[in-house]
Amino acid sequence: MSGNVTSLFRSTAAHSPSMAALARESGEAAGAGPVDFCIPCNPYFPTPAMFDEMAGRLRDIITYYPSSADTITAELCSLLQLPPQCVAMGNGSTELITWIDHLLVRESLAVPVPTFGRWTDQPMETGKRVDMFPLQEAGGFALDLARYAEFVRARGTRAVVVCNPNNPDGGYLHKQALVQFMDAMADRDLVVIDESFLEFADAEAEPSVVQEAMLRPNVVVLRSLGKNFGLHGIRFGYLVANPALAGRVRAMLPKWNLNSFAEHVVFMLRDHGPEYAQSLHQVRRDRLEMAAQLSALPGLTVYPSQGNFLFVRLPVGAEGTAVRDRMLTEHRVLVRECGNKIGSSSRFLRLVVRPQADVRRLVSGLEQVLYGAGRGAAVPGPATGTGYSSGTAAVDRLMYETNGSGMRAITAQTAGAGAPGLAAAPSPGTGTGTGVPLPAAVPVAVPVAPAAATVPGPPPVPQPVPGPQPAPYPGPVPVPHPAPAPQPVPAPVPAPAAAAGYPPPVGPTPPGVPARGGLTAAQVRGTNGLESVPATGWPNAVGMGRAG
C-alpha cells in the first residue's frame, strides 16, 4: 500500500477511514484489502451460505422498497422474545443515539471516557453539557459505579450513559451491579445502557438488563445488530425501553429508515440460530488465544475484555500513529489507533478479535515494527508524533475549555468572544461547569505552558499491577480475565423537584404491578408470572446466545 493511504487517517478527526475509502485510495480490487483489525465485526457470521443466498437475491433486494419498520421490528421482536411496543429499530445505533439526544436529553449528559465517540460528540454538537468521568489507566480503565454515581450527583447531571462492555477497553459490569446503579439513578431524567457489544460477553449466563429496563420509566438499552452479525454496512440496530420512551423515539423515525438488506437479514435469522450461537462461541475462544499471544510481546499490556476487541498499551517509546501507518503500509494490517478518543492517547490500540491465522500475521507485524530485527526495546516513533499521556489531563482540559457547555463554547472561544448565555471557562483549580466542585476522583487539569516556555515532561503515570510474567514467545500463555465483582452503589438521595412534564423519582416496579405504559413484569417477559418462556433455537434477548 502506498503512503497516500495513511493520509486518510489525518483527515478524519473522530473515526477511522472507511474500508471503501482505503480501497479507492490504494486502487486494490474488492476483497483484496488489508487484514482488518480495526472494524469490530463478527468474522464468522453470516456464514458463506448466507452470503450466497443474499447474493442470489441481490437484484430484488436493491430494486424494491423494504417493508415498513413496524413489520421488520415485529419479526425481530418475535425472534428475541421482546414486546414490539418496547422496541424501536434504527438505521444503525448511531441514528438512535441522535434521536435519544434530541428527544430525551434535556441539558446535560454524563459519560465515562474513553468510550464510543458519539456519546460525547453528539450532545456537544447540540449544545448540551457533557460531564466526562475519566476512567483511570492505573485501575485498568474499570468503571467504579459507586464513584460514577457520586460524580453524577455532584455535577447535577440529568442523563447518564454506561457502555457495557465499554468501547475501546472492553470493560464489563455485572448485571446485578448495573441494576443497582439504575435504581440509584431513578431520579435522573434518563439512564442509557449501551449493550452494543454485549453478545460477545461470557462473564455470566444472562448479562443483559433489557428486561429490567422495560419496567423502569427512565432507562433505555441500546443494542447493535451490525457488530454481532458482522454486517456494519447494512446499518441496523435497536433500542429497548418502557413503552412510553420507546414510543417517543419510534414516532419520530422516518417511515422507511430500514433498508431492504436489513429486512432480508432479519427474516433470514430465524433459520440460522445455531450458526449464530457458534460464531459467538468461536469469537470468545479466539479472544482468549489472541490475548495470550499479544501478552507475550515484551512491554505490551493487554487489558481484560468482554467485547470482540482487545485494548492494548504499546511499549514505552512506541507511538501509535507510527505503528498504525507502518502496520498498514509494510504488513497490510489495519489497526485502530486510539489517540483521537477522549480519555485515551496514541499509545493505545484497539485490536478486533480475528481468527488465529490473522492473529499470527498481526503479531509478526508488531514484532517487526516494535522491535526491529531483535526483541529489545521498542523503536520510538517520529518526533512529530503525539507524546504519551494517560489521557486524563486531556479530558480535564476539554472540560475546562468548554465549561461543560458543548461545542458552542469551543466555537465562541475560537472567535475570541464568549457564547451567549454561557459562563466563562474558569481558571484551572477553580472547579468546572455550574459551580459544583468535581469530586476527588477527577484530577485537576494541568495548565498549558506558553509556546516559548520549556514544557516539562509528563509526570510518572501509575502502571497496572503486573501479573505473572509471560512465557517466551511464541508459546501460548493463558491470560485469565476475571470479571469484576458487583460494586455497591449508594442509594439514591433526595433530588430537587423534577421539572414539569418529567416523572418523579421511582423505584423498581414490583412484578405484579403495571409499569408506566401498562405492562406488568410478567407481561413484559411474556409469561403469566409462574411459567418461564420456552427456549427456542434462536438466542433471545436475555440468554444472549446460550439457548438452543
Protein backbone atom coordinates (compact mmCIF):
# COMPACT_ATOMS: atom_id res chain seq x y z
CA MET A 1 0.00 0.00 0.00
CA SER A 2 1.19 3.50 -0.81
CA GLY A 3 1.91 6.17 1.75
CA ASN A 4 -1.05 8.14 0.37
CA VAL A 5 -3.38 5.68 2.08
CA THR A 6 -2.16 6.64 5.55
CA SER A 7 -3.01 10.29 4.83
CA LEU A 8 -6.70 9.31 5.06
CA PHE A 9 -6.27 8.92 8.83
CA ARG A 10 -5.18 12.55 9.14
CA SER A 11 -8.39 13.78 7.50
CA THR A 12 -10.83 12.01 9.84
CA ALA A 13 -10.89 13.51 13.32
CA ALA A 14 -13.14 11.12 15.23
CA HIS A 15 -13.11 7.84 13.33
CA SER A 16 -11.02 5.65 11.08
CA PRO A 17 -11.49 5.97 7.31
CA SER A 18 -13.95 3.55 5.75
CA MET A 19 -12.78 0.40 4.03
CA ALA A 20 -14.25 1.77 0.79
CA ALA A 21 -12.08 4.91 1.09
CA LEU A 22 -8.98 2.82 1.74
CA ALA A 23 -9.74 0.62 -1.27
CA ARG A 24 -10.25 3.64 -3.56
CA GLU A 25 -7.02 5.29 -2.44
CA SER A 26 -4.96 2.12 -2.77
CA GLY A 27 -6.53 1.06 -6.08
CA GLU A 28 -6.96 -2.51 -4.84
CA ALA A 29 -9.66 -4.81 -6.10
CA ALA A 30 -12.65 -5.68 -3.93
CA GLY A 31 -11.75 -8.18 -1.24
CA ALA A 32 -8.02 -7.56 -1.65
CA GLY A 33 -7.73 -5.02 1.17
CA PRO A 34 -5.71 -5.28 4.37
CA VAL A 35 -6.39 -7.71 7.19
CA ASP A 36 -8.89 -5.75 9.25
CA PHE A 37 -8.22 -5.49 13.00
CA CYS A 38 -9.99 -2.11 13.09
CA ILE A 39 -13.72 -2.55 12.35
CA PRO A 40 -15.33 -4.62 15.16
CA CYS A 41 -17.23 -7.17 13.07
CA ASN A 42 -18.04 -10.80 13.80
CA PRO A 43 -15.76 -12.67 11.34
CA TYR A 44 -17.83 -15.87 11.45
CA PHE A 45 -21.31 -14.59 10.68
CA PRO A 46 -23.11 -14.52 8.30
CA THR A 47 -21.92 -17.87 7.01
CA PRO A 48 -20.71 -18.26 3.40
CA ALA A 49 -24.02 -19.95 2.54
CA MET A 50 -25.95 -16.95 3.86
CA PHE A 51 -23.84 -14.58 1.78
CA ASP A 52 -24.52 -16.74 -1.27
CA GLU A 53 -28.25 -16.55 -0.58
CA MET A 54 -28.12 -12.76 -0.28
CA ALA A 55 -26.09 -12.51 -3.47
CA GLY A 56 -28.69 -14.59 -5.30
CA ARG A 57 -31.43 -12.16 -4.22
CA LEU A 58 -29.38 -9.01 -4.73
CA ARG A 59 -31.41 -7.72 -7.67
CA ASP A 60 -34.71 -7.85 -5.80
CA ILE A 61 -33.18 -6.52 -2.59
CA ILE A 62 -31.80 -3.34 -4.15
CA THR A 63 -34.66 -2.82 -6.62
CA TYR A 64 -37.69 -2.71 -4.34
CA TYR A 65 -38.78 -0.79 -1.30
CA PRO A 66 -38.48 -2.60 2.03
CA SER A 67 -41.46 -3.30 4.23
CA SER A 68 -42.31 -0.79 6.93
CA ALA A 69 -40.13 -0.58 10.01
CA ASP A 70 -43.04 -1.95 12.05
CA THR A 71 -43.03 -5.17 10.00
CA ILE A 72 -39.27 -5.65 10.36
CA THR A 73 -39.37 -4.77 14.06
CA ALA A 74 -42.18 -7.26 14.69
CA GLU A 75 -40.10 -10.07 13.16
CA LEU A 76 -37.04 -9.15 15.22
CA CYS A 77 -39.13 -8.98 18.40
CA SER A 78 -40.62 -12.40 17.66
CA LEU A 79 -37.09 -13.73 17.33
CA LEU A 80 -35.78 -12.13 20.53
CA GLN A 81 -38.99 -12.62 22.57
CA LEU A 82 -39.46 -8.90 23.17
CA PRO A 83 -42.73 -6.93 23.09
CA PRO A 84 -42.78 -4.74 19.93
CA GLN A 85 -44.14 -1.75 21.85
CA CYS A 86 -40.88 -1.71 23.86
CA VAL A 87 -38.58 -1.67 20.79
CA ALA A 88 -37.52 0.91 18.20
CA MET A 89 -35.28 -0.11 15.29
CA GLY A 90 -32.94 2.39 13.71
CA ASN A 91 -30.63 2.80 10.75
CA GLY A 92 -27.68 1.84 12.92
CA SER A 93 -27.25 2.56 16.63
CA THR A 94 -25.84 5.97 15.72
CA GLU A 95 -29.24 7.08 14.38
CA LEU A 96 -30.81 6.04 17.68
CA ILE A 97 -28.13 7.90 19.67
CA THR A 98 -29.02 11.02 17.67
CA TRP A 99 -32.72 10.70 18.48
CA ILE A 100 -32.02 9.92 22.13
CA ASP A 101 -30.01 13.14 22.31
CA HIS A 102 -32.69 15.24 20.57
CA LEU A 103 -35.72 13.79 22.36
CA LEU A 104 -34.62 12.56 25.77
CA VAL A 105 -31.51 14.52 26.84
CA ARG A 106 -32.58 17.94 28.07
CA GLU A 107 -29.49 19.79 29.27
CA SER A 108 -26.64 17.56 30.40
CA LEU A 109 -25.25 14.07 29.97
CA ALA A 110 -22.61 12.15 31.94
CA VAL A 111 -20.40 9.61 30.20
CA PRO A 112 -17.26 7.72 31.26
CA VAL A 113 -14.32 8.22 28.91
CA PRO A 114 -12.74 6.81 26.85
CA THR A 115 -15.81 5.38 25.15
CA PHE A 116 -17.69 5.37 21.83
CA GLY A 117 -17.20 8.89 20.46
CA ARG A 118 -20.82 9.60 19.53
CA TRP A 119 -21.79 9.61 23.21
CA THR A 120 -19.61 12.68 23.73
CA ASP A 121 -19.75 14.30 20.29
CA GLN A 122 -23.50 14.09 19.62
CA PRO A 123 -24.72 16.00 22.72
CA MET A 124 -21.89 18.53 22.39
CA GLU A 125 -22.98 19.24 18.83
CA THR A 126 -26.45 20.15 20.10
CA GLY A 127 -25.11 22.37 22.88
CA LYS A 128 -25.64 20.02 25.81
CA ARG A 129 -23.26 19.96 28.75
CA VAL A 130 -21.20 16.76 28.68
CA ASP A 131 -19.78 15.71 32.05
CA MET A 132 -16.93 13.30 31.33
CA PHE A 133 -15.88 10.85 34.03
CA PRO A 134 -12.28 9.73 33.34
CA LEU A 135 -11.56 6.02 33.58
CA GLN A 136 -8.17 5.60 35.22
CA GLU A 137 -5.41 3.75 33.43
CA ALA A 138 -3.92 2.73 36.79
CA GLY A 139 -7.16 0.87 37.51
CA GLY A 140 -7.25 -0.89 34.15
CA PHE A 141 -9.95 1.53 32.89
CA ALA A 142 -12.52 -0.20 35.11
CA LEU A 143 -15.66 1.83 35.82
CA ASP A 144 -16.38 2.25 39.53
CA LEU A 145 -20.17 2.64 39.55
CA ALA A 146 -20.29 4.00 43.10
CA ARG A 147 -17.86 6.82 42.31
CA TYR A 148 -19.61 7.45 39.00
CA ALA A 149 -22.92 7.86 40.84
CA GLU A 150 -21.25 10.34 43.22
CA PHE A 151 -19.87 12.23 40.23
CA VAL A 152 -23.31 12.43 38.58
CA ARG A 153 -24.88 13.82 41.75
CA ALA A 154 -22.07 16.29 42.39
CA ARG A 155 -22.40 17.63 38.85
CA GLY A 156 -26.19 17.58 38.86
CA THR A 157 -26.20 15.73 35.54
CA ARG A 158 -29.67 14.85 34.25
CA ALA A 159 -28.84 11.97 31.82
CA VAL A 160 -26.35 9.15 32.33
CA VAL A 161 -24.65 6.71 29.93
CA VAL A 162 -22.95 3.40 30.70
CA CYS A 163 -21.47 1.22 27.92
CA ASN A 164 -21.26 -2.47 28.78
CA PRO A 165 -18.85 -3.76 27.58
CA ASN A 166 -17.14 -0.43 27.08
CA ASN A 167 -15.53 0.55 23.79
CA PRO A 168 -12.48 0.66 23.41
CA ASP A 169 -11.30 -1.22 26.53
CA GLY A 170 -13.91 -3.99 26.72
CA GLY A 171 -14.52 -3.45 30.45
CA TYR A 172 -17.51 -5.37 31.80
CA LEU A 173 -20.03 -4.66 34.57
CA HIS A 174 -22.10 -7.43 36.12
CA LYS A 175 -25.84 -7.31 35.65
CA GLN A 176 -26.58 -7.07 39.40
CA ALA A 177 -24.31 -4.04 39.75
CA LEU A 178 -25.95 -2.32 36.78
CA VAL A 179 -29.46 -2.94 38.12
CA GLN A 180 -28.40 -1.40 41.44
CA PHE A 181 -26.97 1.58 39.56
CA MET A 182 -30.20 2.03 37.58
CA ASP A 183 -32.14 2.09 40.85
CA ALA A 184 -29.70 4.62 42.31
CA MET A 185 -30.28 6.81 39.23
CA ALA A 186 -34.08 6.58 39.38
CA ASP A 187 -34.31 10.34 39.97
CA ARG A 188 -32.40 11.19 36.76
CA ASP A 189 -34.21 12.05 33.53
CA LEU A 190 -32.56 9.22 31.59
CA VAL A 191 -30.20 6.28 32.03
CA VAL A 192 -28.79 4.70 28.84
CA ILE A 193 -27.14 1.28 28.97
CA ASP A 194 -25.32 0.74 25.67
CA GLU A 195 -25.05 -3.03 25.13
CA SER A 196 -23.75 -2.85 21.56
CA PHE A 197 -21.05 -5.47 22.22
CA LEU A 198 -22.71 -7.49 24.97
CA GLU A 199 -23.41 -10.59 22.88
CA PHE A 200 -19.68 -11.33 22.85
CA ALA A 201 -19.53 -11.43 26.67
CA ASP A 202 -19.32 -14.68 28.57
CA ALA A 203 -18.81 -13.45 32.13
CA GLU A 204 -22.31 -14.54 33.18
CA ALA A 205 -25.17 -16.50 31.66
CA GLU A 206 -27.72 -13.67 31.36
CA PRO A 207 -25.81 -10.38 31.15
CA SER A 208 -28.42 -8.10 29.54
CA VAL A 209 -30.61 -5.65 31.50
CA VAL A 210 -33.30 -5.32 28.80
CA GLN A 211 -35.97 -6.97 30.95
CA GLU A 212 -35.30 -4.62 33.86
CA ALA A 213 -35.17 -1.59 31.54
CA MET A 214 -38.70 -2.21 30.24
CA LEU A 215 -40.05 -1.92 33.78
CA ARG A 216 -38.44 1.44 34.53
CA PRO A 217 -39.65 4.82 33.27
CA ASN A 218 -36.22 6.34 32.62
CA VAL A 219 -33.99 3.53 31.24
CA VAL A 220 -33.08 2.84 27.60
CA VAL A 221 -30.95 -0.10 26.45
CA LEU A 222 -29.21 0.28 23.11
CA ARG A 223 -28.34 -2.79 21.06
CA SER A 224 -26.40 -3.18 17.82
CA LEU A 225 -27.03 -5.75 15.10
CA GLY A 226 -24.24 -4.84 12.69
CA LYS A 227 -21.44 -5.70 15.12
CA ASN A 228 -22.57 -9.11 16.32
CA PHE A 229 -23.96 -10.11 12.91
CA GLY A 230 -20.80 -8.91 11.12
CA LEU A 231 -22.82 -6.53 8.91
CA HIS A 232 -21.83 -2.93 9.67
CA GLY A 233 -22.72 -1.81 6.14
CA ILE A 234 -26.39 -2.70 6.49
CA ARG A 235 -26.83 -0.16 9.35
CA PHE A 236 -29.36 -1.58 11.74
CA GLY A 237 -29.73 -1.56 15.49
CA TYR A 238 -32.47 -1.25 18.06
CA LEU A 239 -33.29 0.12 21.49
CA VAL A 240 -35.40 -1.41 24.26
CA ALA A 241 -37.27 0.72 26.80
CA ASN A 242 -40.52 1.27 28.60
CA PRO A 243 -43.33 1.56 26.00
CA ALA A 244 -43.63 5.31 26.60
CA LEU A 245 -39.93 6.00 25.93
CA ALA A 246 -39.66 3.57 23.02
CA GLY A 247 -42.83 5.03 21.51
CA ARG A 248 -41.44 8.59 21.60
CA VAL A 249 -38.40 7.53 19.58
CA ARG A 250 -40.36 5.26 17.25
CA ALA A 251 -42.82 8.05 16.42
CA MET A 252 -40.00 10.29 15.17
CA LEU A 253 -38.25 7.76 12.93
CA PRO A 254 -38.74 8.02 9.15
CA LYS A 255 -41.20 5.63 7.56
CA TRP A 256 -38.53 3.69 5.63
CA ASN A 257 -35.50 4.18 7.87
CA LEU A 258 -34.61 0.47 7.49
CA ASN A 259 -33.39 -0.74 4.11
CA SER A 260 -34.18 -3.92 2.22
CA PHE A 261 -30.90 -5.57 3.18
CA ALA A 262 -31.79 -5.13 6.85
CA GLU A 263 -35.21 -6.66 6.23
CA HIS A 264 -33.78 -9.61 4.34
CA VAL A 265 -31.22 -10.37 7.06
CA VAL A 266 -33.75 -10.12 9.90
CA PHE A 267 -36.06 -12.58 8.15
CA MET A 268 -33.13 -14.94 7.45
CA LEU A 269 -32.06 -15.12 11.09
CA ARG A 270 -34.77 -17.50 12.31
CA ASP A 271 -33.24 -20.32 10.28
CA HIS A 272 -29.65 -19.65 11.38
CA GLY A 273 -29.73 -19.51 15.18
CA PRO A 274 -27.27 -22.38 15.74
CA GLU A 275 -24.72 -20.90 13.32
CA TYR A 276 -25.00 -17.54 15.05
CA ALA A 277 -24.53 -19.03 18.52
CA GLN A 278 -21.50 -20.98 17.26
CA SER A 279 -19.98 -17.79 15.81
CA LEU A 280 -20.18 -16.05 19.21
CA HIS A 281 -18.61 -19.07 20.90
CA GLN A 282 -15.73 -19.03 18.42
CA VAL A 283 -15.11 -15.29 18.90
CA ARG A 284 -14.88 -15.82 22.68
CA ARG A 285 -12.34 -18.61 22.20
CA ASP A 286 -10.34 -16.50 19.75
CA ARG A 287 -10.32 -13.61 22.24
CA LEU A 288 -8.50 -15.72 24.83
CA GLU A 289 -5.97 -17.05 22.31
CA MET A 290 -5.33 -13.61 20.86
CA ALA A 291 -4.86 -12.06 24.31
CA ALA A 292 -2.33 -14.76 25.19
CA GLN A 293 -0.28 -14.18 22.03
CA LEU A 294 -0.27 -10.41 22.40
CA SER A 295 0.64 -10.62 26.10
CA ALA A 296 3.80 -12.49 25.14
CA LEU A 297 5.16 -9.40 23.34
CA PRO A 298 7.62 -7.54 25.63
CA GLY A 299 6.26 -4.31 27.08
CA LEU A 300 2.78 -4.73 25.59
CA THR A 301 -0.11 -4.52 28.08
CA VAL A 302 -3.40 -6.27 27.23
CA TYR A 303 -6.47 -5.23 29.23
CA PRO A 304 -9.24 -7.72 30.10
CA SER A 305 -12.11 -7.50 27.61
CA GLN A 306 -15.59 -8.92 27.20
CA GLY A 307 -16.06 -7.41 23.74
CA ASN A 308 -14.86 -8.68 20.38
CA PHE A 309 -11.76 -6.50 20.63
CA LEU A 310 -8.73 -6.02 22.88
CA PHE A 311 -7.36 -2.72 24.22
CA VAL A 312 -3.57 -2.74 24.34
CA ARG A 313 -0.96 -0.28 25.57
CA LEU A 314 2.15 -0.09 23.42
CA PRO A 315 5.63 -0.39 24.97
CA VAL A 316 7.31 2.76 26.28
CA GLY A 317 8.74 4.75 23.37
CA ALA A 318 6.30 3.44 20.76
CA GLU A 319 3.87 5.92 19.21
CA GLY A 320 0.52 4.68 17.94
CA THR A 321 0.16 6.60 14.69
CA ALA A 322 3.61 5.47 13.55
CA VAL A 323 2.79 1.87 14.48
CA ARG A 324 -0.57 2.07 12.69
CA ASP A 325 0.93 3.53 9.50
CA ARG A 326 3.78 1.03 9.34
CA MET A 327 1.48 -1.92 10.02
CA LEU A 328 -0.70 -0.81 7.11
CA THR A 329 1.97 0.07 4.57
CA GLU A 330 4.53 -2.65 5.42
CA HIS A 331 2.34 -5.54 6.57
CA ARG A 332 -1.13 -4.80 5.11
CA VAL A 333 -2.70 -4.96 8.57
CA LEU A 334 -5.21 -2.30 9.63
CA VAL A 335 -5.32 -1.44 13.36
CA ARG A 336 -7.26 1.17 15.36
CA GLU A 337 -5.02 3.77 16.99
CA CYS A 338 -6.92 5.46 19.84
CA GLY A 339 -5.26 8.87 20.11
CA ASN A 340 -8.42 10.60 18.85
CA LYS A 341 -10.59 9.10 21.60
CA ILE A 342 -11.19 11.45 24.52
CA GLY A 343 -9.58 9.94 27.59
CA SER A 344 -7.14 7.82 25.61
CA SER A 345 -3.86 8.59 23.84
CA SER A 346 -1.87 7.45 20.84
CA ARG A 347 -0.07 4.91 22.98
CA PHE A 348 -3.16 2.69 22.86
CA LEU A 349 -4.54 0.43 20.11
CA ARG A 350 -7.89 -1.34 19.89
CA LEU A 351 -7.50 -4.65 18.08
CA VAL A 352 -10.51 -6.61 16.85
CA VAL A 353 -10.62 -10.34 17.62
CA ARG A 354 -9.97 -12.34 14.48
CA PRO A 355 -9.14 -15.97 13.51
CA GLN A 356 -5.79 -17.36 14.56
CA ALA A 357 -4.21 -17.21 11.10
CA ASP A 358 -4.83 -13.45 11.03
CA VAL A 359 -3.59 -13.04 14.60
CA ARG A 360 -0.27 -14.68 13.71
CA ARG A 361 0.12 -12.12 10.94
CA LEU A 362 -0.69 -9.30 13.36
CA VAL A 363 1.79 -10.50 15.98
CA SER A 364 4.53 -10.98 13.37
CA GLY A 365 3.98 -7.46 12.06
CA LEU A 366 4.01 -5.93 15.55
CA GLU A 367 7.25 -7.75 16.38
CA GLN A 368 8.96 -6.22 13.34
CA VAL A 369 7.50 -2.74 13.80
CA LEU A 370 8.10 -2.54 17.56
CA TYR A 371 11.39 -4.37 17.96
CA GLY A 372 13.05 -4.49 14.57
CA ALA A 373 15.26 -7.47 13.95
CA GLY A 374 15.62 -8.23 17.65
CA ARG A 375 13.32 -8.29 20.64
CA GLY A 376 14.80 -5.42 22.63
CA ALA A 377 13.36 -2.01 23.44
CA ALA A 378 10.58 -0.63 21.31
CA VAL A 379 11.54 1.67 18.46
CA PRO A 380 10.47 5.26 19.27
CA GLY A 381 8.03 6.93 16.91
CA PRO A 382 8.89 10.06 14.89
CA ALA A 383 9.37 13.35 16.75
CA THR A 384 6.19 14.71 15.19
CA GLY A 385 4.05 12.02 16.82
CA THR A 386 1.72 12.51 19.77
CA GLY A 387 3.51 12.23 23.09
CA TYR A 388 2.36 9.73 25.66
CA SER A 389 -0.08 10.76 28.38
CA SER A 390 -2.69 8.92 30.39
CA GLY A 391 -5.37 10.98 28.66
CA THR A 392 -6.83 12.21 31.93
CA ALA A 393 -5.34 15.70 31.66
CA ALA A 394 -6.76 15.99 28.15
CA VAL A 395 -10.22 15.21 29.46
CA ASP A 396 -9.95 17.81 32.22
CA ARG A 397 -8.59 20.42 29.83
CA LEU A 398 -11.53 19.88 27.46
CA MET A 399 -13.95 20.20 30.36
CA TYR A 400 -12.31 23.47 31.45
CA GLU A 401 -12.24 24.89 27.92
CA THR A 402 -15.90 24.19 27.26
CA ASN A 403 -17.14 24.82 30.80
CA GLY A 404 -19.18 21.69 30.17
CA SER A 405 -21.31 23.57 27.64
CA GLY A 406 -20.79 21.75 24.36
CA MET A 407 -19.36 22.81 21.02
CA ARG A 408 -20.90 26.30 21.20
CA ALA A 409 -18.32 27.31 23.81
CA ILE A 410 -15.41 25.99 21.74
CA THR A 411 -16.63 27.92 18.70
CA ALA A 412 -17.08 31.10 20.72
CA GLN A 413 -13.66 30.85 22.33
CA THR A 414 -12.05 30.30 18.95
CA ALA A 415 -13.66 33.53 17.77
CA GLY A 416 -12.40 35.35 20.89
CA ALA A 417 -15.83 36.01 22.43
CA GLY A 418 -17.99 34.24 24.98
CA ALA A 419 -21.07 32.40 23.78
CA PRO A 420 -24.38 34.00 24.77
CA GLY A 421 -25.75 32.56 27.94
CA LEU A 422 -22.60 30.57 28.78
CA ALA A 423 -20.34 31.22 31.72
CA ALA A 424 -16.69 31.88 31.03
CA ALA A 425 -14.34 28.95 31.46
CA PRO A 426 -12.83 29.03 34.95
CA SER A 427 -9.14 29.02 35.66
CA PRO A 428 -7.63 25.64 36.43
CA GLY A 429 -8.23 24.61 40.00
CA THR A 430 -11.39 26.69 40.50
CA GLY A 431 -13.93 23.98 39.57
CA THR A 432 -15.92 23.44 36.40
CA GLY A 433 -19.38 23.56 34.96
CA THR A 434 -22.11 25.16 37.01
CA GLY A 435 -20.01 25.76 40.09
CA VAL A 436 -20.42 22.29 41.61
CA PRO A 437 -16.91 21.13 42.54
CA LEU A 438 -15.67 17.92 40.99
CA PRO A 439 -15.15 15.01 43.37
CA ALA A 440 -11.66 13.99 44.34
CA ALA A 441 -11.74 11.18 41.76
CA VAL A 442 -11.19 13.69 38.94
CA PRO A 443 -7.71 15.25 38.90
CA VAL A 444 -7.20 18.97 38.38
CA ALA A 445 -6.18 19.94 34.86
CA VAL A 446 -2.60 20.96 34.21
CA PRO A 447 -2.31 24.49 32.75
CA VAL A 448 -0.88 24.66 29.25
CA ALA A 449 2.51 26.39 29.21
CA PRO A 450 3.24 29.29 26.77
CA ALA A 451 4.75 28.31 23.47
CA ALA A 452 8.10 29.93 24.29
CA ALA A 453 8.45 28.22 27.64
CA THR A 454 10.10 24.89 28.22
CA VAL A 455 7.41 22.33 28.87
CA PRO A 456 8.41 19.72 31.44
CA GLY A 457 7.84 16.10 30.63
CA PRO A 458 4.74 14.33 31.89
CA PRO A 459 4.80 13.07 35.46
CA PRO A 460 5.16 9.35 36.07
CA VAL A 461 1.91 7.51 35.34
CA PRO A 462 0.76 4.73 37.66
CA GLN A 463 1.11 1.44 35.89
CA PRO A 464 -1.29 -1.52 36.14
CA VAL A 465 -0.32 -4.08 38.72
CA PRO A 466 1.89 -6.55 36.84
CA GLY A 467 0.68 -10.09 36.62
CA PRO A 468 2.81 -13.21 36.23
CA GLN A 469 5.48 -12.81 33.60
CA PRO A 470 4.52 -14.48 30.31
CA ALA A 471 6.48 -17.37 28.90
CA PRO A 472 8.80 -16.59 25.97
CA TYR A 473 7.01 -16.12 22.66
CA PRO A 474 5.61 -17.95 20.69
CA GLY A 475 4.20 -20.37 23.23
CA PRO A 476 0.59 -19.50 24.12
CA VAL A 477 0.17 -18.02 27.58
CA PRO A 478 -3.20 -18.35 29.25
CA VAL A 479 -4.44 -14.93 30.28
CA PRO A 480 -7.13 -15.13 32.95
CA HIS A 481 -9.79 -12.47 32.61
CA PRO A 482 -11.63 -12.44 35.92
CA ALA A 483 -14.84 -10.42 35.86
CA PRO A 484 -15.02 -7.68 38.50
CA ALA A 485 -17.28 -8.35 41.42
CA PRO A 486 -20.51 -6.35 41.61
CA GLN A 487 -19.79 -2.99 43.22
CA PRO A 488 -22.05 -1.45 45.85
CA VAL A 489 -23.85 1.62 44.63
CA PRO A 490 -25.05 4.29 47.04
CA ALA A 491 -28.80 4.50 47.46
CA PRO A 492 -30.44 7.46 45.75
CA VAL A 493 -30.63 10.64 47.77
CA PRO A 494 -33.49 13.11 47.57
CA ALA A 495 -33.11 15.30 44.50
CA PRO A 496 -34.58 18.72 43.69
CA ALA A 497 -38.14 18.71 42.44
CA ALA A 498 -38.36 17.46 38.86
CA ALA A 499 -39.26 19.91 36.14
CA ALA A 500 -42.82 19.93 34.89
CA GLY A 501 -43.56 17.11 32.48
CA TYR A 502 -40.87 14.76 33.84
CA PRO A 503 -41.65 11.78 36.09
CA PRO A 504 -40.80 11.95 39.80
CA PRO A 505 -38.21 9.56 41.24
CA VAL A 506 -39.46 5.98 41.32
CA GLY A 507 -38.09 2.64 42.37
CA PRO A 508 -38.23 -0.69 40.55
CA THR A 509 -41.71 -1.86 39.58
CA PRO A 510 -42.82 -4.94 41.55
CA PRO A 511 -43.54 -8.00 39.37
CA GLY A 512 -47.34 -7.79 39.72
CA VAL A 513 -47.72 -4.02 39.32
CA PRO A 514 -48.13 -2.45 35.87
CA ALA A 515 -45.12 -0.38 34.83
CA ARG A 516 -45.58 3.03 33.27
CA GLY A 517 -47.11 2.14 29.92
CA GLY A 518 -49.41 -0.57 31.27
CA LEU A 519 -47.32 -3.77 31.28
CA THR A 520 -46.64 -5.93 34.30
CA ALA A 521 -43.27 -7.58 34.73
CA ALA A 522 -44.78 -10.94 33.79
CA GLN A 523 -46.34 -9.50 30.63
CA VAL A 524 -43.05 -7.94 29.59
CA ARG A 525 -41.33 -11.27 30.00
CA GLY A 526 -44.08 -12.98 28.03
CA THR A 527 -45.28 -15.18 30.89
CA ASN A 528 -48.09 -15.35 33.42
CA GLY A 529 -45.59 -14.84 36.21
CA LEU A 530 -45.42 -18.54 37.04
CA GLU A 531 -44.07 -20.19 33.91
CA SER A 532 -40.85 -19.45 32.08
CA VAL A 533 -40.68 -18.69 28.38
CA PRO A 534 -39.91 -21.89 26.46
CA ALA A 535 -36.45 -21.97 24.92
CA THR A 536 -36.17 -21.74 21.13
CA GLY A 537 -33.39 -22.40 18.67
CA TRP A 538 -32.56 -18.69 18.50
CA PRO A 539 -30.75 -16.76 21.27
CA ASN A 540 -33.21 -14.44 22.99
CA ALA A 541 -32.52 -11.03 24.44
CA VAL A 542 -31.75 -12.48 27.88
CA GLY A 543 -29.75 -15.62 27.13
CA MET A 544 -27.54 -13.89 24.55
CA GLY A 545 -26.73 -16.95 22.52
CA ARG A 546 -27.00 -19.64 25.16
CA ALA A 547 -30.29 -21.25 24.14
CA GLY A 548 -30.58 -23.93 21.53
